[in-house]
Amino acid sequence: MSITDRYGLPITTSSPVAAERFQDGMDALLSFGVDAEQCFAKALQIDERLAVA
């Protein structure tokens, strides 16, 4: 099963939780949120092979 973001673009992870944290990070980044880095760090903690974070 391929995991995608809300726009249908592939996310290189097998973890739905890591994908959610990555999407949270992208949302924060695009809205100039201060917690984008924390969201990306959480995604990498869950799946250190997540290539996009």
Protein backbone atom coordinates (compact mmCIF):
# COMPACT_ATOMS: atom_id res chain seq x y z
CA MET A 1 0.00 0.00 0.00
CA SER A 2 1.39 3.36 -1.01
CA ILE A 3 0.97 6.24 1.41
CA THR A 4 0.19 9.65 -0.03
CA ASP A 5 -0.28 13.15 1.33
CA ARG A 6 -3.58 14.99 1.12
CA TYR A 7 -2.72 16.05 -2.43
CA GLY A 8 -2.11 12.50 -3.63
CA LEU A 9 1.68 12.81 -3.71
CA PRO A 10 3.64 9.78 -2.47
CA ILE A 11 5.30 9.86 0.94
CA THR A 12 8.23 7.47 1.29
CA THR A 13 7.20 5.72 4.48
CA SER A 14 5.33 2.60 5.47
CA SER A 15 4.12 4.26 8.67
CA PRO A 16 0.77 6.06 8.58
CA VAL A 17 1.70 7.84 11.82
CA ALA A 18 4.96 9.17 10.32
CA ALA A 19 2.99 10.34 7.28
CA GLU A 20 0.54 12.18 9.55
CA ARG A 21 3.38 13.91 11.42
CA PHE A 22 4.97 14.86 8.09
CA GLN A 23 1.66 16.32 6.88
CA ASP A 24 1.36 18.24 10.17
CA GLY A 25 4.84 19.63 9.54
CA MET A 26 3.98 20.67 5.99
CA ASP A 27 0.80 22.36 7.20
CA ALA A 28 2.78 24.25 9.85
CA LEU A 29 5.51 25.18 7.38
CA LEU A 30 3.08 26.49 4.77
CA SER A 31 1.20 28.53 7.38
CA PHE A 32 4.44 29.89 8.88
CA GLY A 33 3.78 27.83 12.02
CA VAL A 34 6.48 27.63 14.64
CA ASP A 35 6.18 23.89 15.21
CA ALA A 36 7.04 22.62 11.72
CA GLU A 37 10.51 21.49 12.79
CA GLN A 38 9.07 19.56 15.75
CA CYS A 39 6.56 17.79 13.51
CA PHE A 40 9.28 16.76 11.06
CA ALA A 41 11.46 15.54 13.95
CA LYS A 42 8.58 13.40 15.27
CA ALA A 43 8.04 11.94 11.80
CA LEU A 44 11.73 11.00 11.63
CA GLN A 45 11.63 9.45 15.10
CA ILE A 46 8.83 7.18 13.92
CA ASP A 47 10.47 6.32 10.58
CA GLU A 48 14.11 7.37 10.19
CA ARG A 49 14.00 6.34 6.52
CA LEU A 50 11.33 8.95 5.73
CA ALA A 51 13.09 10.64 2.84
CA VAL A 52 11.01 13.79 2.58
CA ALA A 53 11.38 15.03 6.17
